[in-house]
Amino acid sequence: MGQVKIVTDTTCDLPQDILQQYDIRLVPTVITIGSNVYKDTFELPVEEFYELLRTSPERPVSGPPGRKDFSDTYTTLMKETDAVISIHVSASFSSTFQSATNMAKFSMNTAKKQGKAFDITVLDSKATCIGLGIIVIEAAKLAQQGKSKDEIVAAVTPIIENMKSLFMVDDVSYLEKSGRIGKAGAVIGNFLKVKPIFSIEGGETSVKGRPMGSGGAFDKMIDLMGEAIPFGTDIKLGMAHAMSPEKLETVKPKILENYNCVEVYETLIGTSVGATMGPGSFGYVYYAV
């Protein structure tokens, strides 16, 4: 009954036009700032979030989507299709994947009691931000082409396993606020203009360098990219920034100079990653095709 439908959470950071173009269903994560609780994107646009991040003394805390949001989404899709693929932020970063798995089982049991054939496959993207976003887009493209659930899962699994990512933090005080480093480290880091570089691969985060200044960070990111995938390779690229488009525009030509970018996606870093890395941060994901 109908084509496979794709579900994800707001951690994907995909803009509304992409969501509509590929009929991607979005379940909101929850953002708590002080005593205020928001549904990410739906009740708290990312631009407003960054303003709160700058001005609020309270540290934002992100949480998984509510059970009802998952239930409502799956129940709606039960009327449209018999197969859903629900792709979510890395299970290493959030309990969203487990919440999706639990609610998928509940929804499938409900459908079974009603005599309906309804299957939900939940995938751990092992990624976040635009990394998750690209995986979701690729799945949605295949769904629109009429591919089966198994064909789509088989196609996106290598992307999940092979995707590389690099993110740069502009102001390390936000790492201190999120508990990633101590206060002394934040003070020294900002004084020296250190720009930590992180990678996310296989759902795990690691520090790849601590260059001084944005220029040094950009050069280091390109060097790391070349070590991971040889220059001249055909790649797909996703770029994201936290209210700092100038960084994207500085690095993008360097990447295009060294790689054949088959597709390039650009977006804003959303609330989940933004709460940790802060405004001014920047990053990109890529994989060979």
C-alpha atoms as a PDB file:
ATOM      1  CA  MET A   1       0.000   0.000   0.000  1.00  0.00           C
ATOM      2  CA  GLY A   2       1.815   3.107  -1.198  1.00  0.00           C
ATOM      3  CA  GLN A   3       5.494   3.900  -1.073  1.00  0.00           C
ATOM      4  CA  VAL A   4       7.774   3.509   1.920  1.00  0.00           C
ATOM      5  CA  LYS A   5       7.601   6.541   4.217  1.00  0.00           C
ATOM      6  CA  ILE A   6      10.616   8.072   5.940  1.00  0.00           C
ATOM      7  CA  VAL A   7      10.582   9.449   9.499  1.00  0.00           C
ATOM      8  CA  THR A   8      13.363  11.257  11.335  1.00  0.00           C
ATOM      9  CA  ASP A   9      13.823  13.637  14.269  1.00  0.00           C
ATOM     10  CA  THR A  10      14.615  17.346  14.278  1.00  0.00           C
ATOM     11  CA  THR A  11      18.285  16.642  14.975  1.00  0.00           C
ATOM     12  CA  CYS A  12      18.620  16.163  11.189  1.00  0.00           C
ATOM     13  CA  ASP A  13      18.588  19.973  10.787  1.00  0.00           C
ATOM     14  CA  LEU A  14      16.970  19.777   7.346  1.00  0.00           C
ATOM     15  CA  PRO A  15      15.202  22.905   6.066  1.00  0.00           C
ATOM     16  CA  GLN A  16      11.462  22.870   5.476  1.00  0.00           C
ATOM     17  CA  ASP A  17      11.721  22.878   1.684  1.00  0.00           C
ATOM     18  CA  ILE A  18      13.770  19.667   1.704  1.00  0.00           C
ATOM     19  CA  LEU A  19      11.366  17.999   4.138  1.00  0.00           C
ATOM     20  CA  GLN A  20       8.452  18.858   1.872  1.00  0.00           C
ATOM     21  CA  GLN A  21      10.234  17.953  -1.359  1.00  0.00           C
ATOM     22  CA  TYR A  22      11.013  14.435  -0.165  1.00  0.00           C
ATOM     23  CA  ASP A  23       7.948  13.941   2.073  1.00  0.00           C
ATOM     24  CA  ILE A  24      10.066  13.395   5.181  1.00  0.00           C
ATOM     25  CA  ARG A  25       8.074  13.197   8.427  1.00  0.00           C
ATOM     26  CA  LEU A  26       9.620  15.001  11.372  1.00  0.00           C
ATOM     27  CA  VAL A  27       9.338  14.165  15.074  1.00  0.00           C
ATOM     28  CA  PRO A  28      10.494  16.989  17.383  1.00  0.00           C
ATOM     29  CA  THR A  29      13.105  16.565  20.078  1.00  0.00           C
ATOM     30  CA  VAL A  30      12.526  18.538  23.282  1.00  0.00           C
ATOM     31  CA  ILE A  31      14.595  21.541  24.375  1.00  0.00           C
ATOM     32  CA  THR A  32      14.487  22.734  27.990  1.00  0.00           C
ATOM     33  CA  ILE A  33      15.850  26.179  28.887  1.00  0.00           C
ATOM     34  CA  GLY A  34      15.300  26.973  32.544  1.00  0.00           C
ATOM     35  CA  SER A  35      11.612  26.376  33.272  1.00  0.00           C
ATOM     36  CA  ASN A  36      10.612  26.580  29.600  1.00  0.00           C
ATOM     37  CA  VAL A  37      10.140  23.447  27.503  1.00  0.00           C
ATOM     38  CA  TYR A  38       9.956  23.641  23.710  1.00  0.00           C
ATOM     39  CA  LYS A  39       9.391  21.247  20.840  1.00  0.00           C
ATOM     40  CA  ASP A  40      12.446  21.761  18.666  1.00  0.00           C
ATOM     41  CA  THR A  41      11.722  23.547  15.357  1.00  0.00           C
ATOM     42  CA  PHE A  42       7.946  23.407  15.883  1.00  0.00           C
ATOM     43  CA  GLU A  43       7.936  25.768  18.881  1.00  0.00           C
ATOM     44  CA  LEU A  44      11.510  27.061  18.869  1.00  0.00           C
ATOM     45  CA  PRO A  45      12.961  28.161  15.511  1.00  0.00           C
ATOM     46  CA  VAL A  46      16.722  27.735  15.357  1.00  0.00           C
ATOM     47  CA  GLU A  47      17.402  31.474  14.980  1.00  0.00           C
ATOM     48  CA  GLU A  48      15.421  32.171  18.166  1.00  0.00           C
ATOM     49  CA  PHE A  49      17.276  29.355  19.919  1.00  0.00           C
ATOM     50  CA  TYR A  50      20.671  30.958  19.258  1.00  0.00           C
ATOM     51  CA  GLU A  51      19.435  34.260  20.651  1.00  0.00           C
ATOM     52  CA  LEU A  52      18.336  32.457  23.823  1.00  0.00           C
ATOM     53  CA  LEU A  53      21.661  30.628  23.931  1.00  0.00           C
ATOM     54  CA  ARG A  54      23.499  33.950  23.977  1.00  0.00           C
ATOM     55  CA  THR A  55      21.269  35.680  26.520  1.00  0.00           C
ATOM     56  CA  SER A  56      19.896  33.028  28.882  1.00  0.00           C
ATOM     57  CA  PRO A  57      21.874  32.178  32.029  1.00  0.00           C
ATOM     58  CA  GLU A  58      20.376  28.690  31.867  1.00  0.00           C
ATOM     59  CA  ARG A  59      22.082  25.982  29.813  1.00  0.00           C
ATOM     60  CA  PRO A  60      19.790  24.383  27.192  1.00  0.00           C
ATOM     61  CA  VAL A  61      19.168  20.676  27.673  1.00  0.00           C
ATOM     62  CA  SER A  62      17.898  18.516  24.817  1.00  0.00           C
ATOM     63  CA  GLY A  63      15.790  15.400  25.215  1.00  0.00           C
ATOM     64  CA  PRO A  64      14.199  12.766  22.975  1.00  0.00           C
ATOM     65  CA  PRO A  65      10.815  13.263  21.329  1.00  0.00           C
ATOM     66  CA  GLY A  66       7.795  12.518  23.475  1.00  0.00           C
ATOM     67  CA  ARG A  67       5.985   9.192  23.190  1.00  0.00           C
ATOM     68  CA  LYS A  68       2.898  10.943  21.852  1.00  0.00           C
ATOM     69  CA  ASP A  69       4.823  12.624  19.034  1.00  0.00           C
ATOM     70  CA  PHE A  70       6.153   9.266  17.876  1.00  0.00           C
ATOM     71  CA  SER A  71       2.766   7.612  18.326  1.00  0.00           C
ATOM     72  CA  ASP A  72       0.904  10.324  16.414  1.00  0.00           C
ATOM     73  CA  THR A  73       3.402  10.183  13.535  1.00  0.00           C
ATOM     74  CA  TYR A  74       3.321   6.398  13.221  1.00  0.00           C
ATOM     75  CA  THR A  75      -0.481   6.292  13.564  1.00  0.00           C
ATOM     76  CA  THR A  76      -0.870   8.816  10.747  1.00  0.00           C
ATOM     77  CA  LEU A  77       1.462   6.822   8.506  1.00  0.00           C
ATOM     78  CA  MET A  78      -0.423   3.625   9.272  1.00  0.00           C
ATOM     79  CA  LYS A  79      -3.231   5.074   7.138  1.00  0.00           C
ATOM     80  CA  GLU A  80      -0.879   5.886   4.247  1.00  0.00           C
ATOM     81  CA  THR A  81       1.495   2.950   3.916  1.00  0.00           C
ATOM     82  CA  ASP A  82       2.418  -0.466   5.244  1.00  0.00           C
ATOM     83  CA  ALA A  83       6.166   0.237   5.557  1.00  0.00           C
ATOM     84  CA  VAL A  84       8.106   2.945   7.399  1.00  0.00           C
ATOM     85  CA  ILE A  85      11.821   3.543   7.913  1.00  0.00           C
ATOM     86  CA  SER A  86      12.517   5.697  10.969  1.00  0.00           C
ATOM     87  CA  ILE A  87      16.087   7.052  10.970  1.00  0.00           C
ATOM     88  CA  HIS A  88      17.426   8.850  14.024  1.00  0.00           C
ATOM     89  CA  VAL A  89      20.332  10.610  15.694  1.00  0.00           C
ATOM     90  CA  SER A  90      23.147   8.368  16.916  1.00  0.00           C
ATOM     91  CA  ALA A  91      22.179   6.216  19.883  1.00  0.00           C
ATOM     92  CA  SER A  92      25.497   7.287  21.438  1.00  0.00           C
ATOM     93  CA  PHE A  93      24.236  10.867  21.711  1.00  0.00           C
ATOM     94  CA  SER A  94      20.582  10.466  22.656  1.00  0.00           C
ATOM     95  CA  SER A  95      17.898   8.022  23.766  1.00  0.00           C
ATOM     96  CA  THR A  96      15.838   9.030  20.706  1.00  0.00           C
ATOM     97  CA  PHE A  97      16.720   5.792  18.882  1.00  0.00           C
ATOM     98  CA  GLN A  98      15.524   3.698  21.827  1.00  0.00           C
ATOM     99  CA  SER A  99      12.346   5.763  22.150  1.00  0.00           C
ATOM    100  CA  ALA A 100      11.649   5.279  18.440  1.00  0.00           C
ATOM    101  CA  THR A 101      12.259   1.538  18.756  1.00  0.00           C
ATOM    102  CA  ASN A 102       9.857   1.241  21.692  1.00  0.00           C
ATOM    103  CA  MET A 103       7.105   3.248  20.014  1.00  0.00           C
ATOM    104  CA  ALA A 104       7.585   1.393  16.724  1.00  0.00           C
ATOM    105  CA  LYS A 105       6.924  -1.899  18.522  1.00  0.00           C
ATOM    106  CA  PHE A 106       3.862  -0.401  20.187  1.00  0.00           C
ATOM    107  CA  SER A 107       2.494   0.921  16.887  1.00  0.00           C
ATOM    108  CA  MET A 108       3.097  -2.358  15.055  1.00  0.00           C
ATOM    109  CA  ASN A 109       1.319  -4.275  17.822  1.00  0.00           C
ATOM    110  CA  THR A 110      -1.603  -1.851  17.590  1.00  0.00           C
ATOM    111  CA  ALA A 111      -1.789  -2.372  13.833  1.00  0.00           C
ATOM    112  CA  LYS A 112      -1.662  -6.144  14.268  1.00  0.00           C
ATOM    113  CA  LYS A 113      -4.619  -6.061  16.664  1.00  0.00           C
ATOM    114  CA  GLN A 114      -6.518  -4.094  14.030  1.00  0.00           C
ATOM    115  CA  GLY A 115      -5.674  -6.680  11.389  1.00  0.00           C
ATOM    116  CA  LYS A 116      -3.371  -4.328   9.458  1.00  0.00           C
ATOM    117  CA  ALA A 117       0.016  -5.086   7.941  1.00  0.00           C
ATOM    118  CA  PHE A 118       2.344  -2.361   9.167  1.00  0.00           C
ATOM    119  CA  ASP A 119       6.114  -2.552   9.562  1.00  0.00           C
ATOM    120  CA  ILE A 120       8.500   0.047  11.011  1.00  0.00           C
ATOM    121  CA  THR A 121      12.259  -0.386  10.687  1.00  0.00           C
ATOM    122  CA  VAL A 122      14.227   1.880  13.034  1.00  0.00           C
ATOM    123  CA  LEU A 123      17.803   2.756  12.035  1.00  0.00           C
ATOM    124  CA  ASP A 124      20.607   4.274  14.099  1.00  0.00           C
ATOM    125  CA  SER A 125      22.250   6.814  11.777  1.00  0.00           C
ATOM    126  CA  LYS A 126      25.393   6.924  13.939  1.00  0.00           C
ATOM    127  CA  ALA A 127      25.365  10.613  13.021  1.00  0.00           C
ATOM    128  CA  THR A 128      23.758  13.926  13.864  1.00  0.00           C
ATOM    129  CA  CYS A 129      23.040  17.295  12.268  1.00  0.00           C
ATOM    130  CA  ILE A 130      23.493  17.330   8.480  1.00  0.00           C
ATOM    131  CA  GLY A 131      25.070  13.850   8.673  1.00  0.00           C
ATOM    132  CA  LEU A 132      21.734  12.428   9.754  1.00  0.00           C
ATOM    133  CA  GLY A 133      20.078  14.755   7.263  1.00  0.00           C
ATOM    134  CA  ILE A 134      21.934  13.397   4.232  1.00  0.00           C
ATOM    135  CA  ILE A 135      21.188   9.789   5.206  1.00  0.00           C
ATOM    136  CA  VAL A 136      17.507  10.677   5.505  1.00  0.00           C
ATOM    137  CA  ILE A 137      17.501  12.469   2.137  1.00  0.00           C
ATOM    138  CA  GLU A 138      19.069   9.475   0.391  1.00  0.00           C
ATOM    139  CA  ALA A 139      16.476   7.154   1.934  1.00  0.00           C
ATOM    140  CA  ALA A 140      13.637   9.486   0.944  1.00  0.00           C
ATOM    141  CA  LYS A 141      14.883   9.739  -2.657  1.00  0.00           C
ATOM    142  CA  LEU A 142      14.812   5.961  -2.966  1.00  0.00           C
ATOM    143  CA  ALA A 143      11.354   5.823  -1.406  1.00  0.00           C
ATOM    144  CA  GLN A 144      10.069   8.256  -4.025  1.00  0.00           C
ATOM    145  CA  GLN A 145      11.590   6.029  -6.702  1.00  0.00           C
ATOM    146  CA  GLY A 146       9.402   3.195  -5.438  1.00  0.00           C
ATOM    147  CA  LYS A 147      12.180   1.129  -3.861  1.00  0.00           C
ATOM    148  CA  SER A 148      11.219  -1.427  -1.220  1.00  0.00           C
ATOM    149  CA  LYS A 149      12.033  -1.075   2.467  1.00  0.00           C
ATOM    150  CA  ASP A 150      14.767  -3.707   2.223  1.00  0.00           C
ATOM    151  CA  GLU A 151      16.297  -2.030  -0.841  1.00  0.00           C
ATOM    152  CA  ILE A 152      16.396   1.329   0.930  1.00  0.00           C
ATOM    153  CA  VAL A 153      17.958  -0.109   4.086  1.00  0.00           C
ATOM    154  CA  ALA A 154      20.581  -1.914   1.991  1.00  0.00           C
ATOM    155  CA  ALA A 155      21.417   1.319   0.152  1.00  0.00           C
ATOM    156  CA  VAL A 156      21.761   3.619   3.177  1.00  0.00           C
ATOM    157  CA  THR A 157      23.634   1.189   5.435  1.00  0.00           C
ATOM    158  CA  PRO A 158      26.985   1.732   3.632  1.00  0.00           C
ATOM    159  CA  ILE A 159      26.448   5.499   3.877  1.00  0.00           C
ATOM    160  CA  ILE A 160      25.937   5.185   7.628  1.00  0.00           C
ATOM    161  CA  GLU A 161      29.091   3.109   7.966  1.00  0.00           C
ATOM    162  CA  ASN A 162      31.324   5.240   5.730  1.00  0.00           C
ATOM    163  CA  MET A 163      30.273   8.820   6.460  1.00  0.00           C
ATOM    164  CA  LYS A 164      32.974  11.140   7.809  1.00  0.00           C
ATOM    165  CA  SER A 165      32.447  14.429   9.628  1.00  0.00           C
ATOM    166  CA  LEU A 166      34.423  17.357  11.006  1.00  0.00           C
ATOM    167  CA  PHE A 167      33.122  20.141  13.252  1.00  0.00           C
ATOM    168  CA  MET A 168      34.909  23.236  14.561  1.00  0.00           C
ATOM    169  CA  VAL A 169      34.018  25.062  17.788  1.00  0.00           C
ATOM    170  CA  ASP A 170      34.422  28.840  17.641  1.00  0.00           C
ATOM    171  CA  ASP A 171      33.947  29.732  21.331  1.00  0.00           C
ATOM    172  CA  VAL A 172      35.097  27.045  23.781  1.00  0.00           C
ATOM    173  CA  SER A 173      33.121  28.628  26.633  1.00  0.00           C
ATOM    174  CA  TYR A 174      30.093  26.768  25.256  1.00  0.00           C
ATOM    175  CA  LEU A 175      31.945  23.478  25.696  1.00  0.00           C
ATOM    176  CA  GLU A 176      32.471  24.505  29.323  1.00  0.00           C
ATOM    177  CA  LYS A 177      28.769  25.315  29.749  1.00  0.00           C
ATOM    178  CA  SER A 178      27.819  21.914  28.368  1.00  0.00           C
ATOM    179  CA  GLY A 179      30.253  20.162  30.701  1.00  0.00           C
ATOM    180  CA  ARG A 180      32.688  19.053  27.961  1.00  0.00           C
ATOM    181  CA  ILE A 181      35.676  20.971  29.419  1.00  0.00           C
ATOM    182  CA  GLY A 182      36.499  22.774  32.671  1.00  0.00           C
ATOM    183  CA  LYS A 183      36.208  26.520  33.230  1.00  0.00           C
ATOM    184  CA  ALA A 184      39.978  27.008  33.262  1.00  0.00           C
ATOM    185  CA  GLY A 185      40.279  25.202  29.935  1.00  0.00           C
ATOM    186  CA  ALA A 186      37.619  27.468  28.440  1.00  0.00           C
ATOM    187  CA  VAL A 187      39.344  30.650  29.630  1.00  0.00           C
ATOM    188  CA  ILE A 188      42.740  29.546  28.332  1.00  0.00           C
ATOM    189  CA  GLY A 189      41.248  28.240  25.092  1.00  0.00           C
ATOM    190  CA  ASN A 190      39.507  31.507  24.282  1.00  0.00           C
ATOM    191  CA  PHE A 191      42.559  33.551  25.264  1.00  0.00           C
ATOM    192  CA  LEU A 192      44.700  31.540  22.832  1.00  0.00           C
ATOM    193  CA  LYS A 193      41.892  31.531  20.235  1.00  0.00           C
ATOM    194  CA  VAL A 194      41.918  27.734  20.147  1.00  0.00           C
ATOM    195  CA  LYS A 195      39.379  26.248  17.712  1.00  0.00           C
ATOM    196  CA  PRO A 196      38.872  22.570  18.649  1.00  0.00           C
ATOM    197  CA  ILE A 197      38.057  20.205  15.789  1.00  0.00           C
ATOM    198  CA  PHE A 198      35.892  17.153  16.416  1.00  0.00           C
ATOM    199  CA  SER A 199      34.984  14.213  14.234  1.00  0.00           C
ATOM    200  CA  ILE A 200      31.921  11.981  14.453  1.00  0.00           C
ATOM    201  CA  GLU A 201      32.388   8.534  12.963  1.00  0.00           C
ATOM    202  CA  GLY A 202      30.467   5.384  13.764  1.00  0.00           C
ATOM    203  CA  GLY A 203      28.462   7.313  16.325  1.00  0.00           C
ATOM    204  CA  GLU A 204      31.524   8.243  18.375  1.00  0.00           C
ATOM    205  CA  THR A 205      33.068  11.689  18.892  1.00  0.00           C
ATOM    206  CA  SER A 206      36.814  12.297  18.987  1.00  0.00           C
ATOM    207  CA  VAL A 207      39.069  15.371  19.089  1.00  0.00           C
ATOM    208  CA  LYS A 208      41.109  15.732  15.894  1.00  0.00           C
ATOM    209  CA  GLY A 209      43.015  18.900  16.645  1.00  0.00           C
ATOM    210  CA  ARG A 210      43.220  22.165  18.585  1.00  0.00           C
ATOM    211  CA  PRO A 211      44.557  24.705  16.084  1.00  0.00           C
ATOM    212  CA  MET A 212      44.715  28.401  16.930  1.00  0.00           C
ATOM    213  CA  GLY A 213      42.543  30.728  14.897  1.00  0.00           C
ATOM    214  CA  SER A 214      39.881  30.005  12.298  1.00  0.00           C
ATOM    215  CA  GLY A 215      42.394  30.009   9.436  1.00  0.00           C
ATOM    216  CA  GLY A 216      44.459  27.309  11.082  1.00  0.00           C
ATOM    217  CA  ALA A 217      41.321  25.330  11.837  1.00  0.00           C
ATOM    218  CA  PHE A 218      40.120  25.477   8.233  1.00  0.00           C
ATOM    219  CA  ASP A 219      43.495  24.277   6.920  1.00  0.00           C
ATOM    220  CA  LYS A 220      43.569  21.466   9.483  1.00  0.00           C
ATOM    221  CA  MET A 221      40.064  20.344   8.512  1.00  0.00           C
ATOM    222  CA  ILE A 222      41.040  20.112   4.835  1.00  0.00           C
ATOM    223  CA  ASP A 223      44.180  18.145   5.760  1.00  0.00           C
ATOM    224  CA  LEU A 224      42.113  15.730   7.865  1.00  0.00           C
ATOM    225  CA  MET A 225      39.631  15.358   5.042  1.00  0.00           C
ATOM    226  CA  GLY A 226      42.432  14.421   2.646  1.00  0.00           C
ATOM    227  CA  GLU A 227      43.729  11.822   5.096  1.00  0.00           C
ATOM    228  CA  ALA A 228      40.293  10.200   5.305  1.00  0.00           C
ATOM    229  CA  ILE A 229      39.384  10.268   1.601  1.00  0.00           C
ATOM    230  CA  PRO A 230      41.992  10.983  -1.119  1.00  0.00           C
ATOM    231  CA  PHE A 231      41.722  14.300  -2.939  1.00  0.00           C
ATOM    232  CA  GLY A 232      40.078  13.968  -6.342  1.00  0.00           C
ATOM    233  CA  THR A 233      37.470  11.477  -5.128  1.00  0.00           C
ATOM    234  CA  ASP A 234      33.785  11.854  -6.013  1.00  0.00           C
ATOM    235  CA  ILE A 235      31.948  12.740  -2.795  1.00  0.00           C
ATOM    236  CA  LYS A 236      28.624  13.928  -1.455  1.00  0.00           C
ATOM    237  CA  LEU A 237      28.964  16.839   0.942  1.00  0.00           C
ATOM    238  CA  GLY A 238      26.805  18.369   3.647  1.00  0.00           C
ATOM    239  CA  MET A 239      27.787  21.655   5.310  1.00  0.00           C
ATOM    240  CA  ALA A 240      26.295  23.327   8.383  1.00  0.00           C
ATOM    241  CA  HIS A 241      26.968  26.458  10.392  1.00  0.00           C
ATOM    242  CA  ALA A 242      25.737  28.009  13.634  1.00  0.00           C
ATOM    243  CA  MET A 243      24.811  31.507  12.430  1.00  0.00           C
ATOM    244  CA  SER A 244      28.235  31.798  10.774  1.00  0.00           C
ATOM    245  CA  PRO A 245      27.721  31.496   6.997  1.00  0.00           C
ATOM    246  CA  GLU A 246      31.037  33.227   6.337  1.00  0.00           C
ATOM    247  CA  LYS A 247      32.865  30.125   7.576  1.00  0.00           C
ATOM    248  CA  LEU A 248      30.937  27.948   5.165  1.00  0.00           C
ATOM    249  CA  GLU A 249      31.712  30.292   2.294  1.00  0.00           C
ATOM    250  CA  THR A 250      35.412  30.299   3.219  1.00  0.00           C
ATOM    251  CA  VAL A 251      35.833  26.525   3.376  1.00  0.00           C
ATOM    252  CA  LYS A 252      33.481  25.459   0.594  1.00  0.00           C
ATOM    253  CA  PRO A 253      35.767  26.586  -2.285  1.00  0.00           C
ATOM    254  CA  LYS A 254      38.688  24.714  -0.696  1.00  0.00           C
ATOM    255  CA  ILE A 255      36.661  21.499  -0.692  1.00  0.00           C
ATOM    256  CA  LEU A 256      35.372  22.015  -4.238  1.00  0.00           C
ATOM    257  CA  GLU A 257      38.955  22.595  -5.359  1.00  0.00           C
ATOM    258  CA  ASN A 258      40.069  19.221  -4.000  1.00  0.00           C
ATOM    259  CA  TYR A 259      37.037  17.000  -4.619  1.00  0.00           C
ATOM    260  CA  ASN A 260      34.377  16.355  -7.226  1.00  0.00           C
ATOM    261  CA  CYS A 261      31.291  17.136  -5.145  1.00  0.00           C
ATOM    262  CA  VAL A 262      28.397  15.291  -6.774  1.00  0.00           C
ATOM    263  CA  GLU A 263      25.904  16.949  -4.418  1.00  0.00           C
ATOM    264  CA  VAL A 264      26.251  19.676  -1.795  1.00  0.00           C
ATOM    265  CA  TYR A 265      23.698  20.385   0.955  1.00  0.00           C
ATOM    266  CA  GLU A 266      23.838  23.394   3.268  1.00  0.00           C
ATOM    267  CA  THR A 267      21.916  24.085   6.462  1.00  0.00           C
ATOM    268  CA  LEU A 268      21.998  25.652   9.925  1.00  0.00           C
ATOM    269  CA  ILE A 269      23.322  23.688  12.884  1.00  0.00           C
ATOM    270  CA  GLY A 270      20.253  23.066  15.005  1.00  0.00           C
ATOM    271  CA  THR A 271      19.572  23.100  18.704  1.00  0.00           C
ATOM    272  CA  SER A 272      21.046  19.759  19.793  1.00  0.00           C
ATOM    273  CA  VAL A 273      24.525  20.290  18.365  1.00  0.00           C
ATOM    274  CA  GLY A 274      24.284  24.067  18.745  1.00  0.00           C
ATOM    275  CA  ALA A 275      23.674  23.807  22.490  1.00  0.00           C
ATOM    276  CA  THR A 276      27.024  22.043  22.888  1.00  0.00           C
ATOM    277  CA  MET A 277      29.158  23.855  20.325  1.00  0.00           C
ATOM    278  CA  GLY A 278      27.609  27.319  20.454  1.00  0.00           C
ATOM    279  CA  PRO A 279      27.128  30.046  17.847  1.00  0.00           C
ATOM    280  CA  GLY A 280      29.922  30.539  15.349  1.00  0.00           C
ATOM    281  CA  SER A 281      30.561  26.813  15.058  1.00  0.00           C
ATOM    282  CA  PHE A 282      30.832  25.143  11.693  1.00  0.00           C
ATOM    283  CA  GLY A 283      31.137  21.661  10.245  1.00  0.00           C
ATOM    284  CA  TYR A 284      30.665  19.342   7.334  1.00  0.00           C
ATOM    285  CA  VAL A 285      30.061  15.685   6.543  1.00  0.00           C
ATOM    286  CA  TYR A 286      31.146  13.755   3.490  1.00  0.00           C
ATOM    287  CA  TYR A 287      31.398  10.291   1.983  1.00  0.00           C
ATOM    288  CA  ALA A 288      32.803   8.792  -1.202  1.00  0.00           C
ATOM    289  CA  VAL A 289      30.373   7.755  -3.957  1.00  0.00           C
END
